[in-house]
Each structure stands twice: as structure tokens, then as C-alpha cells.
Amino acid sequence: MKQNITLALDQTILKAARALAAQRGTSISAMLADELQMQVEQQRRYDHARLIALSLLERGFSLGGQAIQDRAALHDRTALR
């Protein structure tokens, strides 16, 4: 269901918007509705991607390292020679 809203614009902006809408073969209302729809959809996609990224961060990433058995093994230099 669509609902009308009232928007207050400066006359110079309104005049330019009317000209732009005419060039595009549409109305100011349709232009604004399309732009708002794109903005809302972009925000939804961002929010979804953010939730996925945060859940990945909470799980952590495997960096392929090996577990260290003890502190002595960590500082063992003979294995490096």
C-alpha cells in the first residue's frame, strides 16, 4: 500500500528537480521513491553483511598454526638450526 507524504523544498531545488524528472521521463515523486527504496535496500544489505562478518569474527579464523606443547618448546632454538 502506498502512502503520500508532504515534502518541503526550496523553490530553486524544486524547479531543478522538476526539470530533472522531465528529462528522465518520470515524476519527482517516482524519483524520490526510487532513491529511498535504493537507500533502504542498501542499508538492509549492509546490516546483513555486518551480522555475517561479526558472527565470523566471534567464531575466529584458523591460521594453520600448531599448538605449542610447553614453554620450553616455544623457546627451543635447536630446532631452528
PDB file of N, CA and C in Angstrom:
ATOM      1  N   MET A   1       0.842  -1.175   0.000  1.00  0.00           N
ATOM      2  CA  MET A   1       0.000   0.000   0.000  1.00  0.00           C
ATOM      3  C   MET A   1       0.888   1.240   0.000  1.00  0.00           C
ATOM      4  N   LYS A   2       0.621   2.139  -0.889  1.00  0.00           N
ATOM      5  CA  LYS A   2       1.394   3.379  -0.964  1.00  0.00           C
ATOM      6  C   LYS A   2       0.710   4.461  -0.148  1.00  0.00           C
ATOM      7  N   GLN A   3       1.547   5.359   0.363  1.00  0.00           N
ATOM      8  CA  GLN A   3       1.019   6.460   1.157  1.00  0.00           C
ATOM      9  C   GLN A   3       1.727   7.737   0.741  1.00  0.00           C
ATOM     10  N   ASN A   4       0.979   8.796   0.631  1.00  0.00           N
ATOM     11  CA  ASN A   4       1.555  10.086   0.265  1.00  0.00           C
ATOM     12  C   ASN A   4       2.204  10.749   1.463  1.00  0.00           C
ATOM     13  N   ILE A   5       3.246  11.532   1.183  1.00  0.00           N
ATOM     14  CA  ILE A   5       3.895  12.333   2.217  1.00  0.00           C
ATOM     15  C   ILE A   5       4.033  13.754   1.694  1.00  0.00           C
ATOM     16  N   THR A   6       4.261  14.689   2.586  1.00  0.00           N
ATOM     17  CA  THR A   6       4.484  16.083   2.208  1.00  0.00           C
ATOM     18  C   THR A   6       5.953  16.386   2.408  1.00  0.00           C
ATOM     19  N   LEU A   7       6.528  17.074   1.430  1.00  0.00           N
ATOM     20  CA  LEU A   7       7.943  17.402   1.474  1.00  0.00           C
ATOM     21  C   LEU A   7       8.109  18.886   1.183  1.00  0.00           C
ATOM     22  N   ALA A   8       8.857  19.575   2.010  1.00  0.00           N
ATOM     23  CA  ALA A   8       9.100  21.000   1.801  1.00  0.00           C
ATOM     24  C   ALA A   8      10.476  21.179   1.164  1.00  0.00           C
ATOM     25  N   LEU A   9      10.518  21.826   0.006  1.00  0.00           N
ATOM     26  CA  LEU A   9      11.765  22.063  -0.714  1.00  0.00           C
ATOM     27  C   LEU A   9      11.895  23.538  -1.060  1.00  0.00           C
ATOM     28  N   ASP A  10      13.131  23.979  -1.155  1.00  0.00           N
ATOM     29  CA  ASP A  10      13.409  25.314  -1.642  1.00  0.00           C
ATOM     30  C   ASP A  10      12.960  25.399  -3.106  1.00  0.00           C
ATOM     31  N   GLN A  11      12.469  26.567  -3.519  1.00  0.00           N
ATOM     32  CA  GLN A  11      11.935  26.716  -4.884  1.00  0.00           C
ATOM     33  C   GLN A  11      12.979  26.414  -5.950  1.00  0.00           C
ATOM     34  N   THR A  12      14.225  26.792  -5.731  1.00  0.00           N
ATOM     35  CA  THR A  12      15.253  26.527  -6.754  1.00  0.00           C
ATOM     36  C   THR A  12      15.502  25.027  -6.886  1.00  0.00           C
ATOM     37  N   ILE A  13      15.490  24.322  -5.769  1.00  0.00           N
ATOM     38  CA  ILE A  13      15.664  22.859  -5.811  1.00  0.00           C
ATOM     39  C   ILE A  13      14.466  22.215  -6.486  1.00  0.00           C
ATOM     40  N   LEU A  14      13.281  22.675  -6.151  1.00  0.00           N
ATOM     41  CA  LEU A  14      12.070  22.126  -6.739  1.00  0.00           C
ATOM     42  C   LEU A  14      12.059  22.316  -8.251  1.00  0.00           C
ATOM     43  N   LYS A  15      12.453  23.494  -8.707  1.00  0.00           N
ATOM     44  CA  LYS A  15      12.476  23.783 -10.148  1.00  0.00           C
ATOM     45  C   LYS A  15      13.482  22.867 -10.855  1.00  0.00           C
ATOM     46  N   ALA A  16      14.659  22.707 -10.253  1.00  0.00           N
ATOM     47  CA  ALA A  16      15.674  21.830 -10.850  1.00  0.00           C
ATOM     48  C   ALA A  16      15.211  20.374 -10.827  1.00  0.00           C
ATOM     49  N   ALA A  17      14.551  19.964  -9.755  1.00  0.00           N
ATOM     50  CA  ALA A  17      14.052  18.593  -9.646  1.00  0.00           C
ATOM     51  C   ALA A  17      12.983  18.316 -10.694  1.00  0.00           C
ATOM     52  N   ARG A  18      12.111  19.283 -10.927  1.00  0.00           N
ATOM     53  CA  ARG A  18      11.084  19.118 -11.971  1.00  0.00           C
ATOM     54  C   ARG A  18      11.730  18.949 -13.340  1.00  0.00           C
ATOM     55  N   ALA A  19      12.754  19.761 -13.611  1.00  0.00           N
ATOM     56  CA  ALA A  19      13.450  19.672 -14.901  1.00  0.00           C
ATOM     57  C   ALA A  19      14.142  18.313 -15.034  1.00  0.00           C
ATOM     58  N   LEU A  20      14.782  17.865 -13.972  1.00  0.00           N
ATOM     59  CA  LEU A  20      15.464  16.570 -13.998  1.00  0.00           C
ATOM     60  C   LEU A  20      14.471  15.429 -14.202  1.00  0.00           C
ATOM     61  N   ALA A  21      13.363  15.489 -13.509  1.00  0.00           N
ATOM     62  CA  ALA A  21      12.333  14.460 -13.663  1.00  0.00           C
ATOM     63  C   ALA A  21      11.788  14.448 -15.086  1.00  0.00           C
ATOM     64  N   ALA A  22      11.579  15.615 -15.649  1.00  0.00           N
ATOM     65  CA  ALA A  22      11.076  15.693 -17.022  1.00  0.00           C
ATOM     66  C   ALA A  22      12.093  15.092 -17.998  1.00  0.00           C
ATOM     67  N   GLN A  23      13.374  15.378 -17.781  1.00  0.00           N
ATOM     68  CA  GLN A  23      14.413  14.810 -18.654  1.00  0.00           C
ATOM     69  C   GLN A  23      14.420  13.294 -18.582  1.00  0.00           C
ATOM     70  N   ARG A  24      14.134  12.768 -17.427  1.00  0.00           N
ATOM     71  CA  ARG A  24      14.137  11.317 -17.230  1.00  0.00           C
ATOM     72  C   ARG A  24      12.798  10.672 -17.547  1.00  0.00           C
ATOM     73  N   GLY A  25      11.821  11.496 -17.872  1.00  0.00           N
ATOM     74  CA  GLY A  25      10.507  10.971 -18.220  1.00  0.00           C
ATOM     75  C   GLY A  25       9.767  10.382 -17.037  1.00  0.00           C
ATOM     76  N   THR A  26       9.935  10.978 -15.881  1.00  0.00           N
ATOM     77  CA  THR A  26       9.292  10.477 -14.667  1.00  0.00           C
ATOM     78  C   THR A  26       8.826  11.663 -13.831  1.00  0.00           C
ATOM     79  N   SER A  27       8.392  11.395 -12.641  1.00  0.00           N
ATOM     80  CA  SER A  27       7.944  12.453 -11.739  1.00  0.00           C
ATOM     81  C   SER A  27       8.928  12.590 -10.579  1.00  0.00           C
ATOM     82  N   ILE A  28       8.840  13.710  -9.886  1.00  0.00           N
ATOM     83  CA  ILE A  28       9.659  13.909  -8.697  1.00  0.00           C
ATOM     84  C   ILE A  28       9.319  12.831  -7.670  1.00  0.00           C
ATOM     85  N   SER A  29       8.058  12.551  -7.524  1.00  0.00           N
ATOM     86  CA  SER A  29       7.623  11.542  -6.565  1.00  0.00           C
ATOM     87  C   SER A  29       8.239  10.181  -6.885  1.00  0.00           C
ATOM     88  N   ALA A  30       8.230   9.789  -8.146  1.00  0.00           N
ATOM     89  CA  ALA A  30       8.800   8.494  -8.544  1.00  0.00           C
ATOM     90  C   ALA A  30      10.318   8.488  -8.344  1.00  0.00           C
ATOM     91  N   MET A  31      10.972   9.607  -8.655  1.00  0.00           N
ATOM     92  CA  MET A  31      12.417   9.690  -8.447  1.00  0.00           C
ATOM     93  C   MET A  31      12.761   9.524  -6.974  1.00  0.00           C
ATOM     94  N   LEU A  32      12.046  10.234  -6.125  1.00  0.00           N
ATOM     95  CA  LEU A  32      12.301  10.146  -4.689  1.00  0.00           C
ATOM     96  C   LEU A  32      11.981   8.754  -4.146  1.00  0.00           C
ATOM     97  N   ALA A  33      10.898   8.168  -4.604  1.00  0.00           N
ATOM     98  CA  ALA A  33      10.539   6.823  -4.154  1.00  0.00           C
ATOM     99  C   ALA A  33      11.612   5.815  -4.547  1.00  0.00           C
ATOM    100  N   ASP A  34      12.112   5.917  -5.785  1.00  0.00           N
ATOM    101  CA  ASP A  34      13.174   5.013  -6.235  1.00  0.00           C
ATOM    102  C   ASP A  34      14.441   5.192  -5.409  1.00  0.00           C
ATOM    103  N   GLU A  35      14.812   6.439  -5.165  1.00  0.00           N
ATOM    104  CA  GLU A  35      16.022   6.717  -4.383  1.00  0.00           C
ATOM    105  C   GLU A  35      15.888   6.201  -2.948  1.00  0.00           C
ATOM    106  N   LEU A  36      14.752   6.437  -2.336  1.00  0.00           N
ATOM    107  CA  LEU A  36      14.536   5.950  -0.976  1.00  0.00           C
ATOM    108  C   LEU A  36      14.545   4.429  -0.925  1.00  0.00           C
ATOM    109  N   GLN A  37      13.956   3.801  -1.920  1.00  0.00           N
ATOM    110  CA  GLN A  37      13.947   2.340  -1.977  1.00  0.00           C
ATOM    111  C   GLN A  37      15.370   1.811  -2.095  1.00  0.00           C
ATOM    112  N   MET A  38      16.203   2.443  -2.927  1.00  0.00           N
ATOM    113  CA  MET A  38      17.596   2.024  -3.066  1.00  0.00           C
ATOM    114  C   MET A  38      18.364   2.200  -1.759  1.00  0.00           C
ATOM    115  N   GLN A  39      18.131   3.325  -1.072  1.00  0.00           N
ATOM    116  CA  GLN A  39      18.821   3.582   0.188  1.00  0.00           C
ATOM    117  C   GLN A  39      18.435   2.554   1.258  1.00  0.00           C
ATOM    118  N   VAL A  40      17.161   2.249   1.349  1.00  0.00           N
ATOM    119  CA  VAL A  40      16.686   1.275   2.334  1.00  0.00           C
ATOM    120  C   VAL A  40      17.247  -0.110   2.016  1.00  0.00           C
ATOM    121  N   GLU A  41      17.244  -0.501   0.753  1.00  0.00           N
ATOM    122  CA  GLU A  41      17.767  -1.807   0.358  1.00  0.00           C
ATOM    123  C   GLU A  41      19.270  -1.894   0.615  1.00  0.00           C
ATOM    124  N   GLN A  42      19.982  -0.813   0.331  1.00  0.00           N
ATOM    125  CA  GLN A  42      21.423  -0.782   0.590  1.00  0.00           C
ATOM    126  C   GLN A  42      21.700  -0.940   2.090  1.00  0.00           C
ATOM    127  N   GLN A  43      20.917  -0.285   2.917  1.00  0.00           N
ATOM    128  CA  GLN A  43      21.089  -0.407   4.365  1.00  0.00           C
ATOM    129  C   GLN A  43      20.784  -1.819   4.831  1.00  0.00           C
ATOM    130  N   ARG A  44      19.758  -2.453   4.260  1.00  0.00           N
ATOM    131  CA  ARG A  44      19.433  -3.837   4.618  1.00  0.00           C
ATOM    132  C   ARG A  44      20.581  -4.777   4.261  1.00  0.00           C
ATOM    133  N   ARG A  45      21.145  -4.599   3.051  1.00  0.00           N
ATOM    134  CA  ARG A  45      22.263  -5.443   2.634  1.00  0.00           C
ATOM    135  C   ARG A  45      23.473  -5.227   3.538  1.00  0.00           C
ATOM    136  N   TYR A  46      23.733  -3.973   3.896  1.00  0.00           N
ATOM    137  CA  TYR A  46      24.853  -3.667   4.794  1.00  0.00           C
ATOM    138  C   TYR A  46      24.648  -4.323   6.152  1.00  0.00           C
ATOM    139  N   ASP A  47      23.459  -4.190   6.709  1.00  0.00           N
ATOM    140  CA  ASP A  47      23.169  -4.783   8.019  1.00  0.00           C
ATOM    141  C   ASP A  47      23.345  -6.299   7.989  1.00  0.00           C
ATOM    142  N   HIS A  48      22.883  -6.925   6.914  1.00  0.00           N
ATOM    143  CA  HIS A  48      23.015  -8.374   6.774  1.00  0.00           C
ATOM    144  C   HIS A  48      24.493  -8.773   6.689  1.00  0.00           C
ATOM    145  N   ALA A  49      25.265  -8.077   5.870  1.00  0.00           N
ATOM    146  CA  ALA A  49      26.689  -8.373   5.728  1.00  0.00           C
ATOM    147  C   ALA A  49      27.426  -8.144   7.040  1.00  0.00           C
ATOM    148  N   ARG A  50      27.037  -7.119   7.782  1.00  0.00           N
ATOM    149  CA  ARG A  50      27.666  -6.817   9.066  1.00  0.00           C
ATOM    150  C   ARG A  50      27.425  -7.945  10.063  1.00  0.00           C
ATOM    151  N   LEU A  51      26.193  -8.456  10.111  1.00  0.00           N
ATOM    152  CA  LEU A  51      25.877  -9.568  11.016  1.00  0.00           C
ATOM    153  C   LEU A  51      26.696 -10.809  10.669  1.00  0.00           C
ATOM    154  N   ILE A  52      26.840 -11.080   9.387  1.00  0.00           N
ATOM    155  CA  ILE A  52      27.639 -12.228   8.960  1.00  0.00           C
ATOM    156  C   ILE A  52      29.099 -12.032   9.366  1.00  0.00           C
ATOM    157  N   ALA A  53      29.637 -10.842   9.120  1.00  0.00           N
ATOM    158  CA  ALA A  53      31.027 -10.563   9.462  1.00  0.00           C
ATOM    159  C   ALA A  53      31.267 -10.668  10.965  1.00  0.00           C
ATOM    160  N   LEU A  54      30.354 -10.156  11.758  1.00  0.00           N
ATOM    161  CA  LEU A  54      30.511 -10.237  13.207  1.00  0.00           C
ATOM    162  C   LEU A  54      30.441 -11.677  13.705  1.00  0.00           C
ATOM    163  N   SER A  55      29.578 -12.485  13.107  1.00  0.00           N
ATOM    164  CA  SER A  55      29.497 -13.884  13.529  1.00  0.00           C
ATOM    165  C   SER A  55      30.770 -14.634  13.144  1.00  0.00           C
ATOM    166  N   LEU A  56      31.369 -14.304  12.002  1.00  0.00           N
ATOM    167  CA  LEU A  56      32.637 -14.916  11.613  1.00  0.00           C
ATOM    168  C   LEU A  56      33.752 -14.524  12.580  1.00  0.00           C
ATOM    169  N   LEU A  57      33.753 -13.276  13.002  1.00  0.00           N
ATOM    170  CA  LEU A  57      34.774 -12.823  13.946  1.00  0.00           C
ATOM    171  C   LEU A  57      34.641 -13.517  15.290  1.00  0.00           C
ATOM    172  N   GLU A  58      33.418 -13.752  15.725  1.00  0.00           N
ATOM    173  CA  GLU A  58      33.209 -14.425  17.005  1.00  0.00           C
ATOM    174  C   GLU A  58      33.686 -15.875  16.960  1.00  0.00           C
ATOM    175  N   ARG A  59      33.517 -16.520  15.818  1.00  0.00           N
ATOM    176  CA  ARG A  59      33.977 -17.905  15.674  1.00  0.00           C
ATOM    177  C   ARG A  59      35.496 -17.975  15.578  1.00  0.00           C
ATOM    178  N   GLY A  60      36.095 -16.946  15.025  1.00  0.00           N
ATOM    179  CA  GLY A  60      37.543 -16.932  14.851  1.00  0.00           C
ATOM    180  C   GLY A  60      37.956 -17.602  13.552  1.00  0.00           C
ATOM    181  N   PHE A  61      39.225 -17.451  13.222  1.00  0.00           N
ATOM    182  CA  PHE A  61      39.755 -17.997  11.980  1.00  0.00           C
ATOM    183  C   PHE A  61      40.903 -18.940  12.287  1.00  0.00           C
ATOM    184  N   SER A  62      40.989 -20.000  11.547  1.00  0.00           N
ATOM    185  CA  SER A  62      42.114 -20.912  11.678  1.00  0.00           C
ATOM    186  C   SER A  62      43.264 -20.354  10.848  1.00  0.00           C
ATOM    187  N   LEU A  63      44.391 -20.102  11.501  1.00  0.00           N
ATOM    188  CA  LEU A  63      45.552 -19.566  10.806  1.00  0.00           C
ATOM    189  C   LEU A  63      46.562 -20.655  10.462  1.00  0.00           C
ATOM    190  N   GLY A  64      46.191 -21.900  10.728  1.00  0.00           N
ATOM    191  CA  GLY A  64      47.023 -23.022  10.339  1.00  0.00           C
ATOM    192  C   GLY A  64      48.202 -23.281  11.259  1.00  0.00           C
ATOM    193  N   GLY A  65      48.263 -22.619  12.392  1.00  0.00           N
ATOM    194  CA  GLY A  65      49.363 -22.824  13.323  1.00  0.00           C
ATOM    195  C   GLY A  65      49.225 -24.119  14.086  1.00  0.00           C
ATOM    196  N   GLN A  66      50.303 -24.484  14.748  1.00  0.00           N
ATOM    197  CA  GLN A  66      50.294 -25.694  15.553  1.00  0.00           C
ATOM    198  C   GLN A  66      50.272 -25.320  17.027  1.00  0.00           C
ATOM    199  N   ALA A  67      49.673 -26.165  17.805  1.00  0.00           N
ATOM    200  CA  ALA A  67      49.618 -25.927  19.239  1.00  0.00           C
ATOM    201  C   ALA A  67      51.012 -26.116  19.841  1.00  0.00           C
ATOM    202  N   ILE A  68      51.375 -25.292  20.795  1.00  0.00           N
ATOM    203  CA  ILE A  68      52.660 -25.388  21.469  1.00  0.00           C
ATOM    204  C   ILE A  68      52.472 -26.250  22.711  1.00  0.00           C
ATOM    205  N   GLN A  69      53.334 -27.250  22.861  1.00  0.00           N
ATOM    206  CA  GLN A  69      53.190 -28.195  23.968  1.00  0.00           C
ATOM    207  C   GLN A  69      53.519 -27.562  25.312  1.00  0.00           C
ATOM    208  N   ASP A  70      54.639 -26.843  25.366  1.00  0.00           N
ATOM    209  CA  ASP A  70      55.023 -26.206  26.616  1.00  0.00           C
ATOM    210  C   ASP A  70      55.925 -25.003  26.323  1.00  0.00           C
ATOM    211  N   ARG A  71      56.234 -24.254  27.340  1.00  0.00           N
ATOM    212  CA  ARG A  71      57.048 -23.042  27.195  1.00  0.00           C
ATOM    213  C   ARG A  71      58.455 -23.359  26.703  1.00  0.00           C
ATOM    214  N   ALA A  72      59.025 -24.455  27.162  1.00  0.00           N
ATOM    215  CA  ALA A  72      60.372 -24.835  26.738  1.00  0.00           C
ATOM    216  C   ALA A  72      60.406 -25.100  25.233  1.00  0.00           C
ATOM    217  N   ALA A  73      59.364 -25.734  24.727  1.00  0.00           N
ATOM    218  CA  ALA A  73      59.314 -26.000  23.287  1.00  0.00           C
ATOM    219  C   ALA A  73      59.218 -24.706  22.491  1.00  0.00           C
ATOM    220  N   LEU A  74      58.566 -23.723  23.057  1.00  0.00           N
ATOM    221  CA  LEU A  74      58.440 -22.434  22.390  1.00  0.00           C
ATOM    222  C   LEU A  74      59.794 -21.770  22.213  1.00  0.00           C
ATOM    223  N   HIS A  75      60.676 -21.912  23.207  1.00  0.00           N
ATOM    224  CA  HIS A  75      61.973 -21.242  23.178  1.00  0.00           C
ATOM    225  C   HIS A  75      63.115 -22.156  22.757  1.00  0.00           C
ATOM    226  N   ASP A  76      62.794 -23.323  22.243  1.00  0.00           N
ATOM    227  CA  ASP A  76      63.817 -24.273  21.793  1.00  0.00           C
ATOM    228  C   ASP A  76      64.440 -23.761  20.506  1.00  0.00           C
ATOM    229  N   ARG A  77      65.702 -23.390  20.571  1.00  0.00           N
ATOM    230  CA  ARG A  77      66.399 -22.860  19.384  1.00  0.00           C
ATOM    231  C   ARG A  77      67.108 -23.955  18.588  1.00  0.00           C
ATOM    232  N   THR A  78      67.273 -25.121  19.160  1.00  0.00           N
ATOM    233  CA  THR A  78      67.981 -26.178  18.441  1.00  0.00           C
ATOM    234  C   THR A  78      67.174 -26.631  17.214  1.00  0.00           C
ATOM    235  N   ALA A  79      65.881 -26.511  17.289  1.00  0.00           N
ATOM    236  CA  ALA A  79      65.056 -26.900  16.162  1.00  0.00           C
ATOM    237  C   ALA A  79      65.199 -25.939  14.987  1.00  0.00           C
ATOM    238  N   LEU A  80      65.665 -24.754  15.262  1.00  0.00           N
ATOM    239  CA  LEU A  80      65.825 -23.745  14.208  1.00  0.00           C
ATOM    240  C   LEU A  80      67.162 -23.834  13.501  1.00  0.00           C
ATOM    241  N   ARG A  81      68.114 -24.569  14.063  1.00  0.00           N
ATOM    242  CA  ARG A  81      69.458 -24.659  13.485  1.00  0.00           C
ATOM    243  C   ARG A  81      69.559 -25.725  12.463  1.00  0.00           C
TER     244      ARG A  81
END
